Structure formats: structure tokens, C-alpha cells
Amino acid sequence: EDTAVYYCAAQDWVDWSATGSTRANAYRYWGQG
């Protein structure tokens, strides 16, 4: 069930929150996977 494309993403340090940082739309930068 872990089979997938895994992506790394980055958000500005000020944008951290316990809930927000679990959402894809909170990240500005993405790798190709």
C-alpha cells in the first residue's frame, strides 16, 4: 500500500503550522518525484 510516487516539497519557514504543513497547497516548491 506504500507504492506511490513520493514527492518532496518546501515551504517558507514562517508558514509552518501543525495542520497547514500537512496540506499540499501550503508548499510552494516541488520536486519531480
All heavy atoms as atom14 arrays in JSON, in Angstrom:
{
  "sequence": "EDTAVYYCAAQDWVDWSATGSTRANAYRYWGQG",
  "atom14_mask": [
    [1, 1, 1, 1, 1, 1, 1, 1, 1, 0, 0, 0, 0, 0],
    [1, 1, 1, 1, 1, 1, 1, 1, 0, 0, 0, 0, 0, 0],
    [1, 1, 1, 1, 1, 1, 1, 0, 0, 0, 0, 0, 0, 0],
    [1, 1, 1, 1, 1, 0, 0, 0, 0, 0, 0, 0, 0, 0],
    [1, 1, 1, 1, 1, 1, 1, 0, 0, 0, 0, 0, 0, 0],
    [1, 1, 1, 1, 1, 1, 1, 1, 1, 1, 1, 1, 0, 0],
    [1, 1, 1, 1, 1, 1, 1, 1, 1, 1, 1, 1, 0, 0],
    [1, 1, 1, 1, 1, 1, 0, 0, 0, 0, 0, 0, 0, 0],
    [1, 1, 1, 1, 1, 0, 0, 0, 0, 0, 0, 0, 0, 0],
    [1, 1, 1, 1, 1, 0, 0, 0, 0, 0, 0, 0, 0, 0],
    [1, 1, 1, 1, 1, 1, 1, 1, 1, 0, 0, 0, 0, 0],
    [1, 1, 1, 1, 1, 1, 1, 1, 0, 0, 0, 0, 0, 0],
    [1, 1, 1, 1, 1, 1, 1, 1, 1, 1, 1, 1, 1, 1],
    [1, 1, 1, 1, 1, 1, 1, 0, 0, 0, 0, 0, 0, 0],
    [1, 1, 1, 1, 1, 1, 1, 1, 0, 0, 0, 0, 0, 0],
    [1, 1, 1, 1, 1, 1, 1, 1, 1, 1, 1, 1, 1, 1],
    [1, 1, 1, 1, 1, 1, 0, 0, 0, 0, 0, 0, 0, 0],
    [1, 1, 1, 1, 1, 0, 0, 0, 0, 0, 0, 0, 0, 0],
    [1, 1, 1, 1, 1, 1, 1, 0, 0, 0, 0, 0, 0, 0],
    [1, 1, 1, 1, 0, 0, 0, 0, 0, 0, 0, 0, 0, 0],
    [1, 1, 1, 1, 1, 1, 0, 0, 0, 0, 0, 0, 0, 0],
    [1, 1, 1, 1, 1, 1, 1, 0, 0, 0, 0, 0, 0, 0],
    [1, 1, 1, 1, 1, 1, 1, 1, 1, 1, 1, 0, 0, 0],
    [1, 1, 1, 1, 1, 0, 0, 0, 0, 0, 0, 0, 0, 0],
    [1, 1, 1, 1, 1, 1, 1, 1, 0, 0, 0, 0, 0, 0],
    [1, 1, 1, 1, 1, 0, 0, 0, 0, 0, 0, 0, 0, 0],
    [1, 1, 1, 1, 1, 1, 1, 1, 1, 1, 1, 1, 0, 0],
    [1, 1, 1, 1, 1, 1, 1, 1, 1, 1, 1, 0, 0, 0],
    [1, 1, 1, 1, 1, 1, 1, 1, 1, 1, 1, 1, 0, 0],
    [1, 1, 1, 1, 1, 1, 1, 1, 1, 1, 1, 1, 1, 1],
    [1, 1, 1, 1, 0, 0, 0, 0, 0, 0, 0, 0, 0, 0],
    [1, 1, 1, 1, 1, 1, 1, 1, 1, 0, 0, 0, 0, 0],
    [1, 1, 1, 1, 0, 0, 0, 0, 0, 0, 0, 0, 0, 0]
  ],
  "atom14_positions": [
    [[0.81, -1.22, 0.0], [0.0, 0.0, 0.0], [0.85, 1.27, 0.0], [0.34, 2.38, -0.22], [-0.93, 0.02, 1.21], [-2.03, -1.05, 1.19], [-1.5, -2.45, 1.47], [-0.41, -2.59, 2.06], [-2.18, -3.42, 1.06], [0.0, 0.0, 0.0], [0.0, 0.0, 0.0], [0.0, 0.0, 0.0], [0.0, 0.0, 0.0], [0.0, 0.0, 0.0]],
    [[2.14, 1.14, 0.25], [3.04, 2.29, 0.22], [3.51, 2.61, -1.2], [4.21, 3.61, -1.41], [4.26, 2.04, 1.11], [3.9, 1.88, 2.56], [3.08, 2.67, 3.07], [4.45, 0.96, 3.22], [0.0, 0.0, 0.0], [0.0, 0.0, 0.0], [0.0, 0.0, 0.0], [0.0, 0.0, 0.0], [0.0, 0.0, 0.0], [0.0, 0.0, 0.0]],
    [[3.15, 1.78, -2.15], [3.53, 2.01, -3.54], [2.95, 3.32, -4.04], [1.74, 3.55, -3.97], [3.06, 0.85, -4.43], [3.76, -0.34, -4.04], [3.34, 1.14, -5.9], [0.0, 0.0, 0.0], [0.0, 0.0, 0.0], [0.0, 0.0, 0.0], [0.0, 0.0, 0.0], [0.0, 0.0, 0.0], [0.0, 0.0, 0.0], [0.0, 0.0, 0.0]],
    [[3.83, 4.21, -4.53], [3.4, 5.53, -4.99], [4.6, 6.28, -5.52], [5.75, 5.84, -5.35], [2.78, 6.32, -3.83], [0.0, 0.0, 0.0], [0.0, 0.0, 0.0], [0.0, 0.0, 0.0], [0.0, 0.0, 0.0], [0.0, 0.0, 0.0], [0.0, 0.0, 0.0], [0.0, 0.0, 0.0], [0.0, 0.0, 0.0], [0.0, 0.0, 0.0]],
    [[4.33, 7.42, -6.12], [5.39, 8.38, -6.41], [5.5, 9.28, -5.18], [4.5, 9.82, -4.71], [5.09, 9.21, -7.66], [6.19, 10.26, -7.87], [4.96, 8.31, -8.88], [0.0, 0.0, 0.0], [0.0, 0.0, 0.0], [0.0, 0.0, 0.0], [0.0, 0.0, 0.0], [0.0, 0.0, 0.0], [0.0, 0.0, 0.0], [0.0, 0.0, 0.0]],
    [[6.71, 9.42, -4.69], [6.95, 10.22, -3.49], [7.57, 11.56, -3.9], [8.54, 11.6, -4.65], [7.88, 9.48, -2.54], [7.17, 8.4, -1.78], [6.75, 7.23, -2.43], [6.87, 8.53, -0.43], [6.06, 6.24, -1.75], [6.18, 7.54, 0.26], [5.78, 6.39, -0.4], [5.1, 5.42, 0.28], [0.0, 0.0, 0.0], [0.0, 0.0, 0.0]],
    [[6.97, 12.62, -3.39], [7.39, 13.98, -3.72], [7.91, 14.7, -2.49], [7.34, 14.59, -1.41], [6.22, 14.79, -4.28], [5.66, 14.28, -5.58], [4.62, 13.37, -5.59], [6.18, 14.72, -6.79], [4.09, 12.9, -6.79], [5.66, 14.26, -7.99], [4.62, 13.35, -7.98], [4.11, 12.89, -9.17], [0.0, 0.0, 0.0], [0.0, 0.0, 0.0]],
    [[8.96, 15.45, -2.71], [9.48, 16.35, -1.69], [8.99, 17.76, -2.01], [8.9, 18.14, -3.18], [11.01, 16.3, -1.71], [11.82, 17.4, -0.55], [0.0, 0.0, 0.0], [0.0, 0.0, 0.0], [0.0, 0.0, 0.0], [0.0, 0.0, 0.0], [0.0, 0.0, 0.0], [0.0, 0.0, 0.0], [0.0, 0.0, 0.0], [0.0, 0.0, 0.0]],
    [[8.68, 18.53, -0.96], [8.17, 19.89, -1.16], [8.74, 20.8, -0.09], [9.1, 20.35, 1.01], [6.65, 19.89, -1.09], [0.0, 0.0, 0.0], [0.0, 0.0, 0.0], [0.0, 0.0, 0.0], [0.0, 0.0, 0.0], [0.0, 0.0, 0.0], [0.0, 0.0, 0.0], [0.0, 0.0, 0.0], [0.0, 0.0, 0.0], [0.0, 0.0, 0.0]],
    [[8.8, 22.1, -0.41], [9.34, 23.08, 0.52], [8.39, 24.26, 0.67], [7.73, 24.67, -0.28], [10.7, 23.58, 0.03], [0.0, 0.0, 0.0], [0.0, 0.0, 0.0], [0.0, 0.0, 0.0], [0.0, 0.0, 0.0], [0.0, 0.0, 0.0], [0.0, 0.0, 0.0], [0.0, 0.0, 0.0], [0.0, 0.0, 0.0], [0.0, 0.0, 0.0]],
    [[8.35, 24.75, 1.9], [7.58, 25.96, 2.19], [8.47, 26.9, 3.01], [9.38, 26.46, 3.7], [6.31, 25.63, 2.98], [6.54, 25.05, 4.33], [5.3, 24.88, 5.18], [5.41, 24.63, 6.36], [4.11, 24.99, 4.63], [0.0, 0.0, 0.0], [0.0, 0.0, 0.0], [0.0, 0.0, 0.0], [0.0, 0.0, 0.0], [0.0, 0.0, 0.0]],
    [[8.17, 28.18, 2.93], [8.94, 29.15, 3.71], [8.82, 28.86, 5.2], [7.75, 28.44, 5.66], [8.45, 30.56, 3.42], [8.79, 31.0, 2.0], [9.76, 30.45, 1.43], [8.08, 31.86, 1.46], [0.0, 0.0, 0.0], [0.0, 0.0, 0.0], [0.0, 0.0, 0.0], [0.0, 0.0, 0.0], [0.0, 0.0, 0.0], [0.0, 0.0, 0.0]],
    [[9.85, 29.11, 5.95], [9.88, 28.73, 7.36], [8.75, 29.36, 8.17], [8.26, 28.76, 9.12], [11.23, 29.09, 7.98], [11.49, 30.56, 8.1], [12.02, 31.39, 7.14], [11.21, 31.39, 9.22], [12.08, 32.67, 7.6], [11.61, 32.71, 8.88], [10.68, 31.16, 10.48], [11.48, 33.77, 9.75], [10.55, 32.22, 11.36], [10.94, 33.51, 10.99]],
    [[8.29, 30.54, 7.76], [7.24, 31.23, 8.52], [5.87, 30.6, 8.34], [4.93, 30.92, 9.08], [7.15, 32.72, 8.12], [8.43, 33.44, 8.49], [6.83, 32.88, 6.65], [0.0, 0.0, 0.0], [0.0, 0.0, 0.0], [0.0, 0.0, 0.0], [0.0, 0.0, 0.0], [0.0, 0.0, 0.0], [0.0, 0.0, 0.0], [0.0, 0.0, 0.0]],
    [[5.75, 29.72, 7.36], [4.44, 29.16, 7.03], [4.1, 27.89, 7.81], [3.05, 27.29, 7.59], [4.37, 28.86, 5.53], [4.39, 30.12, 4.7], [3.91, 31.16, 5.2], [4.89, 30.08, 3.56], [0.0, 0.0, 0.0], [0.0, 0.0, 0.0], [0.0, 0.0, 0.0], [0.0, 0.0, 0.0], [0.0, 0.0, 0.0], [0.0, 0.0, 0.0]],
    [[4.97, 27.49, 8.72], [4.73, 26.25, 9.45], [3.49, 26.34, 10.34], [3.29, 27.31, 11.05], [5.94, 25.91, 10.33], [5.76, 24.68, 11.14], [5.27, 24.57, 12.42], [6.05, 23.34, 10.73], [5.27, 23.27, 12.81], [5.74, 22.49, 11.81], [6.58, 22.79, 9.56], [5.92, 21.11, 11.74], [6.76, 21.42, 9.49], [6.43, 20.59, 10.57]],
    [[2.69, 25.28, 10.3], [1.62, 25.11, 11.27], [1.32, 23.62, 11.35], [1.57, 22.88, 10.4], [0.36, 25.88, 10.91], [-0.32, 25.28, 9.83], [0.0, 0.0, 0.0], [0.0, 0.0, 0.0], [0.0, 0.0, 0.0], [0.0, 0.0, 0.0], [0.0, 0.0, 0.0], [0.0, 0.0, 0.0], [0.0, 0.0, 0.0], [0.0, 0.0, 0.0]],
    [[0.79, 23.2, 12.46], [0.56, 21.77, 12.7], [-0.43, 21.19, 11.71], [-0.38, 20.01, 11.39], [0.07, 21.55, 14.13], [0.0, 0.0, 0.0], [0.0, 0.0, 0.0], [0.0, 0.0, 0.0], [0.0, 0.0, 0.0], [0.0, 0.0, 0.0], [0.0, 0.0, 0.0], [0.0, 0.0, 0.0], [0.0, 0.0, 0.0], [0.0, 0.0, 0.0]],
    [[-1.36, 21.99, 11.24], [-2.33, 21.49, 10.26], [-1.97, 21.95, 8.86], [-2.01, 21.16, 7.91], [-3.74, 21.98, 10.62], [-3.73, 23.4, 10.77], [-4.22, 21.35, 11.92], [0.0, 0.0, 0.0], [0.0, 0.0, 0.0], [0.0, 0.0, 0.0], [0.0, 0.0, 0.0], [0.0, 0.0, 0.0], [0.0, 0.0, 0.0], [0.0, 0.0, 0.0]],
    [[-1.59, 23.2, 8.73], [-1.3, 23.73, 7.4], [-0.16, 23.02, 6.71], [-0.19, 22.82, 5.49], [0.0, 0.0, 0.0], [0.0, 0.0, 0.0], [0.0, 0.0, 0.0], [0.0, 0.0, 0.0], [0.0, 0.0, 0.0], [0.0, 0.0, 0.0], [0.0, 0.0, 0.0], [0.0, 0.0, 0.0], [0.0, 0.0, 0.0], [0.0, 0.0, 0.0]],
    [[0.84, 22.61, 7.46], [2.01, 21.97, 6.85], [1.75, 20.54, 6.42], [2.65, 19.86, 5.94], [3.2, 22.05, 7.8], [3.59, 23.4, 7.99], [0.0, 0.0, 0.0], [0.0, 0.0, 0.0], [0.0, 0.0, 0.0], [0.0, 0.0, 0.0], [0.0, 0.0, 0.0], [0.0, 0.0, 0.0], [0.0, 0.0, 0.0], [0.0, 0.0, 0.0]],
    [[0.52, 20.07, 6.59], [0.13, 18.76, 6.08], [-0.62, 18.87, 4.76], [-1.01, 17.86, 4.19], [-0.75, 18.0, 7.08], [-2.0, 18.67, 7.21], [-0.08, 17.89, 8.45], [0.0, 0.0, 0.0], [0.0, 0.0, 0.0], [0.0, 0.0, 0.0], [0.0, 0.0, 0.0], [0.0, 0.0, 0.0], [0.0, 0.0, 0.0], [0.0, 0.0, 0.0]],
    [[-0.82, 20.07, 4.28], [-1.58, 20.3, 3.05], [-0.65, 20.61, 1.88], [0.24, 21.44, 2.0], [-2.57, 21.45, 3.26], [-3.55, 21.19, 4.38], [-4.65, 22.24, 4.4], [-5.54, 22.05, 5.55], [-5.68, 22.94, 6.53], [-5.02, 24.07, 6.5], [-6.52, 22.69, 7.52], [0.0, 0.0, 0.0], [0.0, 0.0, 0.0], [0.0, 0.0, 0.0]],
    [[-0.9, 19.99, 0.76], [-0.05, 20.17, -0.4], [-0.06, 21.63, -0.87], [0.97, 22.15, -1.31], [-0.49, 19.25, -1.53], [0.0, 0.0, 0.0], [0.0, 0.0, 0.0], [0.0, 0.0, 0.0], [0.0, 0.0, 0.0], [0.0, 0.0, 0.0], [0.0, 0.0, 0.0], [0.0, 0.0, 0.0], [0.0, 0.0, 0.0], [0.0, 0.0, 0.0]],
    [[-1.18, 22.3, -0.75], [-1.25, 23.67, -1.25], [-0.51, 24.66, -0.35], [-0.46, 25.86, -0.66], [-2.7, 24.1, -1.45], [-3.53, 24.09, -0.19], [-2.99, 23.92, 0.91], [-4.83, 24.25, -0.32], [0.0, 0.0, 0.0], [0.0, 0.0, 0.0], [0.0, 0.0, 0.0], [0.0, 0.0, 0.0], [0.0, 0.0, 0.0], [0.0, 0.0, 0.0]],
    [[0.05, 24.18, 0.76], [0.85, 25.05, 1.62], [2.31, 25.1, 1.18], [3.1, 25.83, 1.77], [0.77, 24.57, 3.06], [0.0, 0.0, 0.0], [0.0, 0.0, 0.0], [0.0, 0.0, 0.0], [0.0, 0.0, 0.0], [0.0, 0.0, 0.0], [0.0, 0.0, 0.0], [0.0, 0.0, 0.0], [0.0, 0.0, 0.0], [0.0, 0.0, 0.0]],
    [[2.66, 24.31, 0.18], [4.04, 24.21, -0.27], [4.2, 24.86, -1.64], [3.43, 24.58, -2.55], [4.49, 22.75, -0.33], [4.6, 22.15, 1.04], [3.48, 21.67, 1.72], [5.83, 22.07, 1.69], [3.58, 21.14, 2.98], [5.94, 21.53, 2.96], [4.8, 21.07, 3.61], [4.9, 20.55, 4.86], [0.0, 0.0, 0.0], [0.0, 0.0, 0.0]],
    [[5.2, 25.69, -1.73], [5.42, 26.44, -2.96], [6.29, 25.7, -3.96], [6.13, 25.84, -5.16], [6.05, 27.8, -2.64], [6.3, 28.68, -3.85], [7.0, 29.96, -3.45], [6.24, 30.74, -2.47], [6.64, 31.93, -2.02], [7.76, 32.46, -2.46], [5.91, 32.59, -1.14], [0.0, 0.0, 0.0], [0.0, 0.0, 0.0], [0.0, 0.0, 0.0]],
    [[7.25, 24.93, -3.45], [8.24, 24.31, -4.32], [8.12, 22.79, -4.25], [7.94, 22.22, -3.16], [9.65, 24.73, -3.91], [9.82, 26.22, -3.81], [9.87, 26.85, -2.58], [9.92, 27.0, -4.95], [10.04, 28.22, -2.47], [10.08, 28.38, -4.86], [10.14, 28.98, -3.62], [10.29, 30.33, -3.53], [0.0, 0.0, 0.0], [0.0, 0.0, 0.0]],
    [[8.29, 22.15, -5.41], [8.13, 20.7, -5.5], [9.24, 20.08, -6.35], [9.72, 20.68, -7.3], [6.78, 20.35, -6.15], [5.63, 20.67, -5.27], [5.0, 21.87, -5.12], [4.97, 19.76, -4.38], [3.98, 21.78, -4.19], [3.94, 20.49, -3.72], [5.13, 18.42, -4.07], [3.08, 19.9, -2.79], [4.29, 17.84, -3.14], [3.28, 18.57, -2.51]],
    [[9.6, 18.85, -5.97], [10.48, 18.06, -6.8], [9.69, 17.29, -7.84], [8.46, 17.37, -7.89], [0.0, 0.0, 0.0], [0.0, 0.0, 0.0], [0.0, 0.0, 0.0], [0.0, 0.0, 0.0], [0.0, 0.0, 0.0], [0.0, 0.0, 0.0], [0.0, 0.0, 0.0], [0.0, 0.0, 0.0], [0.0, 0.0, 0.0], [0.0, 0.0, 0.0]],
    [[10.4, 16.52, -8.66], [9.78, 15.77, -9.74], [9.22, 14.43, -9.27], [8.42, 13.81, -9.99], [10.79, 15.53, -10.86], [11.22, 16.82, -11.56], [10.05, 17.52, -12.2], [9.31, 16.95, -12.98], [9.86, 18.8, -11.88], [0.0, 0.0, 0.0], [0.0, 0.0, 0.0], [0.0, 0.0, 0.0], [0.0, 0.0, 0.0], [0.0, 0.0, 0.0]],
    [[9.63, 13.99, -8.11], [9.12, 12.74, -7.56], [10.03, 11.56, -7.82], [10.83, 11.56, -8.77], [0.0, 0.0, 0.0], [0.0, 0.0, 0.0], [0.0, 0.0, 0.0], [0.0, 0.0, 0.0], [0.0, 0.0, 0.0], [0.0, 0.0, 0.0], [0.0, 0.0, 0.0], [0.0, 0.0, 0.0], [0.0, 0.0, 0.0], [0.0, 0.0, 0.0]]
  ]
}
